[in-house]
Amino acid sequence: MTQYVLITLTVPPSVEESMVDWLLQFNDHSGFTSHRANGHSSRLEGLNIAEQVAGRKEQIRFQMHLSANDLPRLMDTLNKDFSGVGLHYWITPLIDAGHI
């Protein structure tokens, strides 16, 4: 049985279109989801004045599942192509994934 992981990426809105294009090239058959999200943190670095007052930072969240075997290639390429843009990620194991 194939082991899957769910990777969640958050990026600033300025990176959204580049990330969409990149994910479409990387994951050309499985697809992904995206939506607007607000990031909340007690750390103020990286927040402009309006974000500090509002207490949140607008982000774009992407999620996709992929084979655990594909994860090292994704992470290596992601690190090379998006270094320094403010990307945050987390990876969680999935019990199963598919289409019905």
N, C-alpha and C. Protein backbone atom coordinates (compact mmCIF):
# COMPACT_ATOMS: atom_id res chain seq x y z
N MET A 1 0.85 -1.19 0.00
CA MET A 1 0.00 0.00 0.00
C MET A 1 0.89 1.24 0.00
N THR A 2 0.58 2.19 -0.84
CA THR A 2 1.34 3.42 -0.93
C THR A 2 1.09 4.27 0.30
N GLN A 3 2.15 4.81 0.87
CA GLN A 3 2.01 5.75 1.98
C GLN A 3 1.92 7.15 1.42
N TYR A 4 0.97 7.91 1.95
CA TYR A 4 0.75 9.28 1.50
C TYR A 4 1.02 10.26 2.63
N VAL A 5 1.35 11.48 2.24
CA VAL A 5 1.47 12.58 3.19
C VAL A 5 0.63 13.74 2.66
N LEU A 6 0.23 14.59 3.57
CA LEU A 6 -0.45 15.84 3.23
C LEU A 6 0.53 16.96 3.53
N ILE A 7 0.83 17.74 2.51
CA ILE A 7 1.70 18.89 2.74
C ILE A 7 0.85 20.15 2.65
N THR A 8 1.04 21.01 3.62
CA THR A 8 0.36 22.30 3.68
C THR A 8 1.42 23.38 3.58
N LEU A 9 1.22 24.31 2.66
CA LEU A 9 2.14 25.42 2.44
C LEU A 9 1.37 26.72 2.65
N THR A 10 1.94 27.67 3.34
CA THR A 10 1.37 29.01 3.39
C THR A 10 2.40 29.98 2.82
N VAL A 11 1.92 30.88 1.98
CA VAL A 11 2.80 31.86 1.33
C VAL A 11 2.11 33.22 1.33
N PRO A 12 2.90 34.28 1.22
CA PRO A 12 2.30 35.61 1.07
C PRO A 12 1.53 35.69 -0.25
N PRO A 13 0.50 36.53 -0.31
CA PRO A 13 -0.28 36.66 -1.54
C PRO A 13 0.56 37.01 -2.77
N SER A 14 1.67 37.70 -2.59
CA SER A 14 2.53 38.06 -3.72
C SER A 14 3.16 36.84 -4.40
N VAL A 15 3.16 35.70 -3.73
CA VAL A 15 3.78 34.48 -4.24
C VAL A 15 2.72 33.52 -4.82
N GLU A 16 1.45 33.86 -4.68
CA GLU A 16 0.37 32.94 -5.04
C GLU A 16 0.47 32.42 -6.46
N GLU A 17 0.57 33.29 -7.45
CA GLU A 17 0.59 32.84 -8.84
C GLU A 17 1.81 31.98 -9.16
N SER A 18 2.96 32.36 -8.62
CA SER A 18 4.17 31.55 -8.82
C SER A 18 4.01 30.17 -8.22
N MET A 19 3.39 30.10 -7.04
CA MET A 19 3.18 28.81 -6.38
C MET A 19 2.19 27.96 -7.16
N VAL A 20 1.13 28.56 -7.67
CA VAL A 20 0.16 27.81 -8.48
C VAL A 20 0.86 27.20 -9.68
N ASP A 21 1.63 28.00 -10.41
CA ASP A 21 2.35 27.49 -11.58
C ASP A 21 3.31 26.38 -11.20
N TRP A 22 4.04 26.57 -10.10
CA TRP A 22 5.03 25.58 -9.65
C TRP A 22 4.34 24.27 -9.28
N LEU A 23 3.26 24.35 -8.52
CA LEU A 23 2.55 23.13 -8.10
C LEU A 23 1.93 22.41 -9.29
N LEU A 24 1.42 23.15 -10.26
CA LEU A 24 0.87 22.52 -11.45
C LEU A 24 1.94 21.75 -12.21
N GLN A 25 3.15 22.27 -12.26
CA GLN A 25 4.24 21.57 -12.93
C GLN A 25 4.72 20.38 -12.12
N PHE A 26 4.81 20.54 -10.81
CA PHE A 26 5.32 19.46 -9.97
C PHE A 26 4.32 18.32 -9.87
N ASN A 27 3.08 18.65 -9.66
CA ASN A 27 2.05 17.66 -9.36
C ASN A 27 1.01 17.67 -10.47
N ASP A 28 1.42 17.28 -11.66
CA ASP A 28 0.60 17.46 -12.85
C ASP A 28 -0.60 16.52 -12.97
N HIS A 29 -0.74 15.53 -12.11
CA HIS A 29 -1.87 14.62 -12.24
C HIS A 29 -2.75 14.54 -11.00
N SER A 30 -2.28 15.01 -9.87
CA SER A 30 -3.03 14.85 -8.63
C SER A 30 -3.83 16.08 -8.24
N GLY A 31 -3.32 17.24 -8.50
CA GLY A 31 -4.01 18.47 -8.14
C GLY A 31 -3.73 18.90 -6.71
N PHE A 32 -4.30 20.03 -6.35
CA PHE A 32 -4.10 20.62 -5.02
C PHE A 32 -5.24 21.58 -4.77
N THR A 33 -5.35 22.04 -3.54
CA THR A 33 -6.35 23.05 -3.21
C THR A 33 -5.64 24.30 -2.70
N SER A 34 -6.32 25.42 -2.82
CA SER A 34 -5.77 26.67 -2.27
C SER A 34 -6.92 27.52 -1.74
N HIS A 35 -6.59 28.32 -0.76
CA HIS A 35 -7.57 29.26 -0.24
C HIS A 35 -6.86 30.33 0.57
N ARG A 36 -7.56 31.41 0.77
CA ARG A 36 -7.02 32.51 1.58
C ARG A 36 -7.10 32.11 3.05
N ALA A 37 -6.10 32.53 3.80
CA ALA A 37 -6.05 32.23 5.22
C ALA A 37 -5.42 33.43 5.93
N ASN A 38 -5.69 33.56 7.21
CA ASN A 38 -5.06 34.58 8.03
C ASN A 38 -4.08 33.91 8.97
N GLY A 39 -2.85 34.40 8.98
CA GLY A 39 -1.84 33.91 9.91
C GLY A 39 -1.86 34.76 11.17
N HIS A 40 -1.79 34.10 12.31
CA HIS A 40 -1.80 34.79 13.61
C HIS A 40 -0.56 34.36 14.38
N SER A 41 0.10 35.32 15.01
CA SER A 41 1.29 35.01 15.78
C SER A 41 1.54 36.14 16.77
N SER A 42 2.20 35.81 17.86
CA SER A 42 2.58 36.85 18.81
C SER A 42 3.89 37.52 18.39
N ARG A 43 4.57 36.93 17.40
CA ARG A 43 5.80 37.55 16.88
C ARG A 43 5.43 38.65 15.90
N LEU A 44 6.05 39.79 16.02
CA LEU A 44 5.72 40.93 15.17
C LEU A 44 6.64 41.10 13.97
N GLU A 45 7.78 40.42 13.97
CA GLU A 45 8.70 40.60 12.85
C GLU A 45 8.06 40.09 11.56
N GLY A 46 8.25 40.86 10.52
CA GLY A 46 7.67 40.53 9.23
C GLY A 46 6.26 41.07 9.02
N LEU A 47 5.68 41.69 10.04
CA LEU A 47 4.34 42.26 9.90
C LEU A 47 4.43 43.76 9.67
N ASN A 48 3.65 44.27 8.71
CA ASN A 48 3.61 45.73 8.55
C ASN A 48 2.70 46.30 9.63
N ILE A 49 2.61 47.62 9.69
CA ILE A 49 1.84 48.29 10.75
C ILE A 49 0.37 47.86 10.73
N ALA A 50 -0.24 47.83 9.55
CA ALA A 50 -1.66 47.44 9.45
C ALA A 50 -1.86 46.01 9.95
N GLU A 51 -0.95 45.11 9.62
CA GLU A 51 -1.05 43.72 10.09
C GLU A 51 -0.86 43.63 11.60
N GLN A 52 0.02 44.45 12.13
CA GLN A 52 0.22 44.45 13.58
C GLN A 52 -1.05 44.92 14.30
N VAL A 53 -1.70 45.96 13.76
CA VAL A 53 -2.92 46.48 14.35
C VAL A 53 -4.05 45.45 14.24
N ALA A 54 -4.18 44.83 13.07
CA ALA A 54 -5.24 43.84 12.84
C ALA A 54 -4.98 42.54 13.59
N GLY A 55 -3.73 42.26 13.89
CA GLY A 55 -3.40 41.03 14.58
C GLY A 55 -3.38 39.81 13.69
N ARG A 56 -3.25 40.02 12.39
CA ARG A 56 -3.20 38.90 11.45
C ARG A 56 -2.50 39.31 10.16
N LYS A 57 -2.02 38.29 9.46
CA LYS A 57 -1.33 38.49 8.20
C LYS A 57 -2.01 37.63 7.14
N GLU A 58 -2.41 38.24 6.05
CA GLU A 58 -3.05 37.50 4.98
C GLU A 58 -2.05 36.53 4.35
N GLN A 59 -2.48 35.32 4.15
CA GLN A 59 -1.66 34.27 3.55
C GLN A 59 -2.50 33.49 2.54
N ILE A 60 -1.84 32.74 1.70
CA ILE A 60 -2.50 31.80 0.81
C ILE A 60 -2.06 30.41 1.24
N ARG A 61 -3.02 29.53 1.48
CA ARG A 61 -2.71 28.17 1.92
C ARG A 61 -2.94 27.20 0.77
N PHE A 62 -1.97 26.36 0.54
CA PHE A 62 -2.05 25.30 -0.45
C PHE A 62 -1.96 23.96 0.27
N GLN A 63 -2.75 23.00 -0.18
CA GLN A 63 -2.65 21.65 0.36
C GLN A 63 -2.71 20.65 -0.78
N MET A 64 -1.89 19.62 -0.65
CA MET A 64 -1.96 18.52 -1.60
C MET A 64 -1.43 17.26 -0.94
N HIS A 65 -1.93 16.15 -1.42
CA HIS A 65 -1.39 14.89 -0.93
C HIS A 65 -0.51 14.31 -2.02
N LEU A 66 0.48 13.58 -1.58
CA LEU A 66 1.40 12.95 -2.51
C LEU A 66 2.01 11.73 -1.84
N SER A 67 2.60 10.91 -2.65
CA SER A 67 3.29 9.73 -2.14
C SER A 67 4.45 10.17 -1.27
N ALA A 68 4.65 9.49 -0.16
CA ALA A 68 5.79 9.80 0.72
C ALA A 68 7.10 9.67 -0.04
N ASN A 69 7.15 8.83 -1.06
CA ASN A 69 8.36 8.67 -1.87
C ASN A 69 8.69 9.92 -2.67
N ASP A 70 7.68 10.73 -3.00
CA ASP A 70 7.89 11.97 -3.77
C ASP A 70 8.26 13.16 -2.90
N LEU A 71 8.12 13.01 -1.59
CA LEU A 71 8.34 14.14 -0.68
C LEU A 71 9.76 14.70 -0.72
N PRO A 72 10.82 13.87 -0.70
CA PRO A 72 12.17 14.46 -0.73
C PRO A 72 12.42 15.32 -1.97
N ARG A 73 11.95 14.88 -3.12
CA ARG A 73 12.14 15.67 -4.36
C ARG A 73 11.37 16.97 -4.28
N LEU A 74 10.13 16.92 -3.78
CA LEU A 74 9.34 18.13 -3.64
C LEU A 74 10.03 19.12 -2.71
N MET A 75 10.47 18.66 -1.55
CA MET A 75 11.07 19.56 -0.57
C MET A 75 12.38 20.16 -1.09
N ASP A 76 13.18 19.36 -1.77
CA ASP A 76 14.43 19.86 -2.33
C ASP A 76 14.17 20.95 -3.36
N THR A 77 13.24 20.68 -4.27
CA THR A 77 12.93 21.65 -5.32
C THR A 77 12.24 22.89 -4.74
N LEU A 78 11.35 22.69 -3.80
CA LEU A 78 10.67 23.81 -3.14
C LEU A 78 11.67 24.73 -2.46
N ASN A 79 12.62 24.15 -1.76
CA ASN A 79 13.65 24.93 -1.07
C ASN A 79 14.49 25.73 -2.05
N LYS A 80 14.81 25.15 -3.17
CA LYS A 80 15.61 25.86 -4.19
C LYS A 80 14.82 26.99 -4.85
N ASP A 81 13.57 26.71 -5.18
CA ASP A 81 12.78 27.66 -5.97
C ASP A 81 12.09 28.75 -5.14
N PHE A 82 11.89 28.53 -3.83
CA PHE A 82 11.14 29.50 -3.02
C PHE A 82 11.88 29.93 -1.76
N SER A 83 13.17 29.79 -1.76
CA SER A 83 13.97 30.20 -0.61
C SER A 83 13.81 31.70 -0.35
N GLY A 84 13.52 32.06 0.89
CA GLY A 84 13.46 33.47 1.28
C GLY A 84 12.16 34.19 1.00
N VAL A 85 11.10 33.49 0.55
CA VAL A 85 9.85 34.20 0.23
C VAL A 85 8.87 34.24 1.39
N GLY A 86 9.20 33.63 2.51
CA GLY A 86 8.29 33.61 3.65
C GLY A 86 7.35 32.42 3.64
N LEU A 87 7.75 31.36 2.97
CA LEU A 87 6.93 30.15 2.91
C LEU A 87 7.02 29.40 4.24
N HIS A 88 5.89 28.91 4.70
CA HIS A 88 5.83 28.07 5.91
C HIS A 88 5.14 26.78 5.49
N TYR A 89 5.60 25.65 6.01
CA TYR A 89 4.99 24.38 5.63
C TYR A 89 4.88 23.44 6.81
N TRP A 90 4.00 22.47 6.68
CA TRP A 90 3.96 21.33 7.60
C TRP A 90 3.48 20.12 6.81
N ILE A 91 3.92 18.96 7.29
CA ILE A 91 3.66 17.70 6.61
C ILE A 91 3.05 16.75 7.63
N THR A 92 1.95 16.11 7.23
CA THR A 92 1.30 15.15 8.12
C THR A 92 1.06 13.84 7.35
N PRO A 93 1.16 12.72 8.03
CA PRO A 93 0.88 11.45 7.37
C PRO A 93 -0.62 11.31 7.10
N LEU A 94 -0.95 10.62 6.03
CA LEU A 94 -2.35 10.34 5.69
C LEU A 94 -2.58 8.83 5.79
N ILE A 95 -3.72 8.47 6.27
CA ILE A 95 -4.09 7.05 6.32
C ILE A 95 -4.41 6.56 4.91
N ASP A 96 -5.10 7.40 4.13
CA ASP A 96 -5.47 7.02 2.78
C ASP A 96 -5.80 8.28 2.01
N ALA A 97 -5.79 8.18 0.69
CA ALA A 97 -6.18 9.28 -0.18
C ALA A 97 -6.64 8.68 -1.50
N GLY A 98 -7.56 9.32 -2.15
CA GLY A 98 -8.04 8.82 -3.43
C GLY A 98 -9.26 9.56 -3.90
N HIS A 99 -9.90 9.02 -4.93
CA HIS A 99 -11.11 9.61 -5.50
C HIS A 99 -12.19 8.53 -5.54
N ILE A 100 -13.42 8.95 -5.34
CA ILE A 100 -14.55 8.01 -5.41
C ILE A 100 -15.53 8.55 -6.43
